[in-house]
Amino acid sequence: MKPLTYKGVTKSYGSHQALDRLDFTVHPGQIFGFVGGNGAGKTTALRIAAGVLAADQGAVYWGDSPVGRPEAARFGYMPEERGLYPKMTVAKQLLYLGRLHGQSTAQARSAMTRWTRRLGIDAHHDKPIDTLSLGNQQRVQLAAALIHDPDVLILDEPFSGLDPSAVDDMSEVLREKAAQGVPVLFSSHQLDLVERLCDRVGVIAAGRLAAEGSLDELRAPRTGHSLYLEVEGAPPGWPEGTPAVASYRPDAAGVLVELADGHTENDLLAEAVRHGTVRALNRRRPTLTELFRDLVDPAKDGTPA
């Protein structure tokens, strides 16, 4: 298997710059989550990787080769605007797409049977797409992306509108494909799901990559002195004025504290026991949602303030 690499990918629509020198790599066997606000450039970036759009500058590479028609034919692509024929039955749709990818009729039928059974939609073979629920249409769309056993998987908002059971099924399939060495790249607004599922995350804002790395790498600059503290009986306004505290904000039953330089947890604990009973003191790892706010809109970040 080969990596999928963005190298200086830039794209504009008239005066609007959708992507600005995008650089990152999705390695074989890796699940990469692509997150950003509406209009940040996620869909444009995925369409370029899938060969649907051309970059103005830079390119997406599969291994050492820029992605062109032959390379894109080996990719599985699930667009945000679902590309199924609404009046065609599930079976005919998937057989047609398998044949379009060069499979024989027998190969396409075998793949169709395998994936519809795997995704729990085998009872719907003879039903037109537009008669299915949104969740089952999503499952058919994923089967369409997988029908030709792709070497790269690119999915735009694949979990949108799915119930928890369907989310679990789709997550399991993505993990299985990654375990087979397939690079998996998907976008999502569901940051808790990205946090659970992905090996690496890219945060895009206004067409630029604001941050990229594993969750531990993204958290590292923001976890050095952040603590959750819960003190029963503390007076109102505490820990305002405490030397060990650089900043704080309420959180749940306690406060999130940023330690002042030169101070440790022990300094904070010594102050806390003088003001009440310490019920909790632990180092806090920011969620992906908090990291996202911090990176995309620092004025609304989730760090102590």
Protein backbone atom coordinates (compact mmCIF):
# COMPACT_ATOMS: atom_id res chain seq x y z
CA MET A 1 0.00 0.00 0.00
CA LYS A 2 1.08 3.58 -0.68
CA PRO A 3 0.53 6.86 1.19
CA LEU A 4 -1.80 9.63 0.04
CA THR A 5 0.02 12.96 0.19
CA TYR A 6 -1.10 16.56 -0.30
CA LYS A 7 1.75 18.75 -1.53
CA GLY A 8 1.08 22.47 -1.68
CA VAL A 9 -2.51 21.98 -2.82
CA THR A 10 -4.11 25.33 -3.66
CA LYS A 11 -7.55 25.99 -5.13
CA SER A 12 -9.59 29.14 -5.78
CA TYR A 13 -13.11 29.79 -6.99
CA GLY A 14 -12.92 33.23 -8.57
CA SER A 15 -11.72 35.61 -5.85
CA HIS A 16 -12.35 33.07 -3.08
CA GLN A 17 -9.35 30.97 -2.09
CA ALA A 18 -10.74 27.63 -0.93
CA LEU A 19 -7.36 25.95 -0.23
CA ASP A 20 -4.00 27.55 0.48
CA ARG A 21 -0.90 25.33 0.17
CA LEU A 22 -2.30 22.28 1.90
CA ASP A 23 0.35 19.76 3.03
CA PHE A 24 -0.25 16.51 4.88
CA THR A 25 0.06 12.73 4.45
CA VAL A 26 -2.28 9.84 5.17
CA HIS A 27 -0.11 6.76 5.61
CA PRO A 28 -1.12 3.18 4.78
CA GLY A 29 -3.23 1.70 7.54
CA GLN A 30 -4.00 5.10 9.02
CA ILE A 31 -7.40 6.70 9.68
CA PHE A 32 -7.09 10.45 9.18
CA GLY A 33 -9.88 12.76 10.32
CA PHE A 34 -10.29 16.06 8.51
CA VAL A 35 -12.20 18.66 10.54
CA GLY A 36 -13.14 22.28 10.02
CA GLY A 37 -16.06 24.65 9.98
CA ASN A 38 -18.51 25.09 7.12
CA GLY A 39 -16.71 26.54 4.12
CA ALA A 40 -13.26 25.75 5.52
CA GLY A 41 -12.25 23.77 2.41
CA LYS A 42 -12.76 20.14 3.49
CA THR A 43 -14.97 19.08 0.59
CA THR A 44 -12.75 20.80 -1.98
CA ALA A 45 -9.70 19.04 -0.56
CA LEU A 46 -11.38 15.63 -0.69
CA ARG A 47 -12.68 16.16 -4.21
CA ILE A 48 -9.16 16.97 -5.41
CA ALA A 49 -7.82 13.79 -3.80
CA ALA A 50 -10.59 11.77 -5.45
CA GLY A 51 -9.80 13.23 -8.86
CA VAL A 52 -13.14 15.06 -9.12
CA LEU A 53 -11.51 18.52 -9.08
CA ALA A 54 -8.12 19.75 -10.27
CA ALA A 55 -5.87 21.83 -8.03
CA ASP A 56 -4.73 25.26 -9.25
CA GLN A 57 -1.29 24.60 -7.76
CA GLY A 58 0.32 21.64 -6.07
CA ALA A 59 -1.01 18.11 -6.31
CA VAL A 60 -2.19 15.08 -4.37
CA TYR A 61 0.13 12.10 -4.73
CA TRP A 62 -0.53 8.42 -4.31
CA GLY A 63 2.90 7.08 -3.57
CA ASP A 64 5.20 8.84 -6.05
CA SER A 65 2.53 9.53 -8.68
CA PRO A 66 0.18 12.55 -8.87
CA VAL A 67 -3.42 11.41 -8.69
CA GLY A 68 -4.83 11.16 -12.20
CA ARG A 69 -7.58 9.08 -13.74
CA PRO A 70 -5.77 5.70 -13.39
CA GLU A 71 -4.93 6.37 -9.73
CA ALA A 72 -8.38 7.72 -8.83
CA ALA A 73 -9.96 4.60 -10.32
CA ARG A 74 -8.39 2.64 -7.46
CA PHE A 75 -9.89 4.94 -4.82
CA GLY A 76 -13.20 4.54 -3.03
CA TYR A 77 -14.94 7.91 -2.80
CA MET A 78 -18.08 8.76 -0.84
CA PRO A 79 -19.20 12.33 -1.63
CA GLU A 80 -21.14 14.50 0.79
CA GLU A 81 -23.85 14.99 -1.85
CA ARG A 82 -24.78 11.37 -2.27
CA GLY A 83 -24.22 10.26 -5.85
CA LEU A 84 -26.68 7.39 -6.15
CA TYR A 85 -29.37 6.99 -8.80
CA PRO A 86 -32.55 7.36 -6.71
CA LYS A 87 -34.84 5.23 -8.89
CA MET A 88 -32.36 2.37 -9.38
CA THR A 89 -32.53 -0.62 -7.04
CA VAL A 90 -29.72 -1.27 -4.59
CA ALA A 91 -28.53 -4.40 -6.41
CA LYS A 92 -28.55 -2.82 -9.88
CA GLN A 93 -26.80 0.28 -8.54
CA LEU A 94 -23.94 -1.67 -6.98
CA LEU A 95 -23.60 -4.09 -9.90
CA TYR A 96 -23.41 -1.13 -12.29
CA LEU A 97 -20.71 0.58 -10.22
CA GLY A 98 -18.71 -2.62 -9.88
CA ARG A 99 -18.78 -3.11 -13.67
CA LEU A 100 -17.83 0.57 -14.10
CA HIS A 101 -14.71 -0.15 -12.03
CA GLY A 102 -13.72 -2.99 -14.35
CA GLN A 103 -15.14 -5.96 -12.49
CA SER A 104 -16.76 -8.83 -14.31
CA THR A 105 -20.46 -9.38 -13.68
CA ALA A 106 -19.63 -12.32 -11.42
CA GLN A 107 -17.06 -10.28 -9.46
CA ALA A 108 -19.45 -7.35 -9.07
CA ARG A 109 -22.26 -9.62 -7.92
CA SER A 110 -20.01 -11.34 -5.37
CA ALA A 111 -18.80 -7.97 -4.02
CA MET A 112 -22.36 -6.62 -3.93
CA THR A 113 -23.55 -9.62 -1.95
CA ARG A 114 -20.62 -9.43 0.46
CA TRP A 115 -20.92 -5.71 1.21
CA THR A 116 -24.70 -5.54 1.45
CA ARG A 117 -24.61 -8.44 3.91
CA ARG A 118 -21.72 -6.85 5.82
CA LEU A 119 -23.54 -3.49 6.06
CA GLY A 120 -26.93 -5.00 6.91
CA ILE A 121 -28.77 -3.96 3.75
CA ASP A 122 -29.02 -7.32 1.96
CA ALA A 123 -32.80 -7.35 2.53
CA HIS A 124 -33.09 -4.23 0.35
CA HIS A 125 -31.55 -5.54 -2.90
CA ASP A 126 -34.69 -5.01 -4.94
CA LYS A 127 -35.73 -1.67 -3.45
CA PRO A 128 -35.12 1.66 -5.22
CA ILE A 129 -32.63 3.90 -3.40
CA ASP A 130 -35.18 6.66 -2.75
CA THR A 131 -37.44 4.29 -0.81
CA LEU A 132 -34.75 3.62 1.80
CA SER A 133 -34.18 5.51 5.03
CA LEU A 134 -31.34 8.04 5.10
CA GLY A 135 -29.24 5.67 7.19
CA ASN A 136 -29.67 2.81 4.73
CA GLN A 137 -28.92 5.12 1.81
CA GLN A 138 -25.68 5.97 3.60
CA ARG A 139 -24.90 2.27 3.93
CA VAL A 140 -25.51 1.76 0.21
CA GLN A 141 -23.24 4.73 -0.54
CA LEU A 142 -20.48 3.17 1.56
CA ALA A 143 -20.97 -0.15 -0.24
CA ALA A 144 -20.62 1.77 -3.52
CA ALA A 145 -17.28 3.18 -2.34
CA LEU A 146 -16.08 -0.30 -1.31
CA ILE A 147 -17.46 -2.40 -4.17
CA HIS A 148 -14.15 -2.53 -6.08
CA ASP A 149 -11.91 -3.22 -3.05
CA PRO A 150 -10.22 0.22 -3.18
CA ASP A 151 -6.61 0.93 -2.25
CA VAL A 152 -7.53 4.34 -0.74
CA LEU A 153 -10.77 5.35 0.97
CA ILE A 154 -11.98 8.99 0.88
CA LEU A 155 -15.26 9.84 2.59
CA ASP A 156 -16.95 13.23 2.96
CA GLU A 157 -19.17 13.40 6.07
CA PRO A 158 -19.88 9.64 6.02
CA PHE A 159 -21.53 9.66 9.47
CA SER A 160 -23.98 12.48 8.79
CA GLY A 161 -27.52 11.52 9.78
CA LEU A 162 -26.65 8.01 10.99
CA ASP A 163 -28.12 6.41 14.09
CA PRO A 164 -25.72 4.98 16.71
CA SER A 165 -25.96 1.45 15.30
CA ALA A 166 -25.09 2.62 11.79
CA VAL A 167 -22.23 4.75 13.18
CA ASP A 168 -20.82 1.66 14.88
CA ASP A 169 -21.12 -0.41 11.69
CA MET A 170 -19.43 2.22 9.55
CA SER A 171 -16.68 2.79 12.13
CA GLU A 172 -15.95 -0.93 12.21
CA VAL A 173 -15.65 -1.06 8.42
CA LEU A 174 -13.20 1.87 8.40
CA ARG A 175 -11.09 0.16 11.06
CA GLU A 176 -11.12 -3.07 9.05
CA LYS A 177 -9.96 -1.31 5.88
CA ALA A 178 -7.21 0.49 7.78
CA ALA A 179 -6.10 -2.83 9.30
CA GLN A 180 -5.68 -4.08 5.72
CA GLY A 181 -3.25 -1.23 5.04
CA VAL A 182 -5.67 1.14 3.27
CA PRO A 183 -5.17 4.88 3.91
CA VAL A 184 -8.55 6.19 5.13
CA LEU A 185 -9.33 9.91 4.90
CA PHE A 186 -12.67 11.29 6.01
CA SER A 187 -14.22 14.58 7.05
CA SER A 188 -16.72 15.00 9.87
CA HIS A 189 -18.33 17.60 12.10
CA GLN A 190 -18.76 14.95 14.80
CA LEU A 191 -15.56 15.68 16.70
CA ASP A 192 -16.19 13.15 19.46
CA LEU A 193 -16.35 10.43 16.81
CA VAL A 194 -13.16 11.69 15.12
CA GLU A 195 -11.48 11.64 18.52
CA ARG A 196 -12.41 8.00 19.10
CA LEU A 197 -11.70 6.70 15.63
CA CYS A 198 -8.73 8.53 14.12
CA ASP A 199 -4.99 7.97 14.32
CA ARG A 200 -4.30 11.50 13.10
CA VAL A 201 -6.35 14.65 12.70
CA GLY A 202 -6.04 17.67 10.42
CA VAL A 203 -7.76 20.91 11.42
CA ILE A 204 -8.48 23.21 8.49
CA ALA A 205 -9.52 26.87 8.76
CA ALA A 206 -10.06 29.24 5.82
CA GLY A 207 -8.34 26.80 3.48
CA ARG A 208 -5.19 26.46 5.57
CA LEU A 209 -4.08 23.60 7.79
CA ALA A 210 -4.21 25.07 11.29
CA ALA A 211 -2.79 21.91 12.89
CA GLU A 212 -2.09 18.28 12.05
CA GLY A 213 -0.98 15.32 14.11
CA SER A 214 -2.08 12.65 16.54
CA LEU A 215 -4.37 13.76 19.34
CA ASP A 216 -1.49 13.48 21.81
CA GLU A 217 0.62 15.72 19.57
CA LEU A 218 -2.18 18.26 19.25
CA ARG A 219 -2.78 18.21 23.00
CA ALA A 220 0.88 18.44 24.02
CA PRO A 221 1.22 22.27 23.97
CA ARG A 222 -2.04 22.63 25.86
CA THR A 223 -1.79 20.04 28.64
CA GLY A 224 1.38 21.00 30.49
CA HIS A 225 -0.26 22.91 33.35
CA SER A 226 -4.01 22.36 32.93
CA LEU A 227 -5.76 20.76 35.90
CA TYR A 228 -9.28 20.01 37.03
CA LEU A 229 -9.80 20.96 40.70
CA GLU A 230 -12.84 20.36 42.87
CA VAL A 231 -12.81 21.77 46.42
CA GLU A 232 -15.88 21.30 48.58
CA GLY A 233 -16.56 24.27 50.83
CA ALA A 234 -14.29 26.71 49.01
CA PRO A 235 -15.44 30.34 49.37
CA PRO A 236 -17.04 32.12 46.38
CA GLY A 237 -14.45 33.40 43.91
CA TRP A 238 -11.72 31.01 44.99
CA PRO A 239 -9.03 30.39 43.60
CA GLU A 240 -8.85 34.07 42.54
CA GLY A 241 -5.57 35.53 43.81
CA THR A 242 -3.94 32.15 44.52
CA PRO A 243 -0.20 32.43 43.61
CA ALA A 244 -0.14 28.97 42.03
CA VAL A 245 -2.99 29.83 39.64
CA ALA A 246 -2.36 31.74 36.41
CA SER A 247 -5.99 31.51 35.24
CA TYR A 248 -9.12 29.47 35.85
CA ARG A 249 -12.73 29.00 34.82
CA PRO A 250 -15.67 27.07 36.24
CA ASP A 251 -16.19 23.53 34.94
CA ALA A 252 -18.78 21.04 36.21
CA ALA A 253 -18.58 21.04 40.03
CA GLY A 254 -15.07 22.49 40.10
CA VAL A 255 -12.72 24.69 38.14
CA LEU A 256 -10.24 24.27 35.31
CA VAL A 257 -6.94 25.71 36.41
CA GLU A 258 -3.87 26.82 34.51
CA LEU A 259 -0.85 26.65 36.82
CA ALA A 260 1.36 29.70 37.10
CA ASP A 261 4.94 29.29 35.91
CA GLY A 262 7.22 27.84 38.56
CA HIS A 263 4.36 26.18 40.46
CA THR A 264 3.35 22.53 40.72
CA GLU A 265 0.27 20.50 41.61
CA ASN A 266 1.59 20.26 45.17
CA ASP A 267 1.57 24.06 45.49
CA LEU A 268 -2.03 24.16 44.30
CA LEU A 269 -3.01 21.28 46.59
CA ALA A 270 -1.46 23.00 49.61
CA GLU A 271 -3.54 26.11 48.88
CA ALA A 272 -6.69 24.09 48.20
CA VAL A 273 -6.71 22.18 51.51
CA ARG A 274 -6.62 25.49 53.36
CA HIS A 275 -9.92 26.49 51.76
CA GLY A 276 -11.97 23.27 51.85
CA THR A 277 -12.00 19.52 51.20
CA VAL A 278 -10.30 18.49 47.96
CA ARG A 279 -12.59 16.10 46.10
CA ALA A 280 -10.66 15.97 42.83
CA LEU A 281 -7.34 17.12 41.43
CA ASN A 282 -6.18 15.68 38.13
CA ARG A 283 -4.42 16.65 34.97
CA ARG A 284 -6.90 17.43 32.25
CA ARG A 285 -6.58 16.45 28.60
CA PRO A 286 -8.51 18.80 26.33
CA THR A 287 -11.09 17.22 24.03
CA LEU A 288 -10.83 17.55 20.27
CA THR A 289 -13.74 20.00 20.44
CA GLU A 290 -11.74 22.25 22.77
CA LEU A 291 -8.62 21.92 20.63
CA PHE A 292 -10.69 22.80 17.56
CA ARG A 293 -12.08 25.94 19.19
CA ASP A 294 -8.62 26.94 20.34
CA LEU A 295 -7.10 26.49 16.88
CA VAL A 296 -9.92 27.90 14.76
CA ASP A 297 -11.30 30.64 17.01
CA PRO A 298 -8.98 31.46 19.93
CA ALA A 299 -11.47 34.03 21.20
CA LYS A 300 -13.86 31.16 21.97
CA ASP A 301 -11.35 28.54 23.10
CA GLY A 302 -11.94 25.99 25.78
CA THR A 303 -8.81 26.69 27.79
CA PRO A 304 -8.97 28.13 31.30
CA ALA A 305 -9.43 31.90 31.30
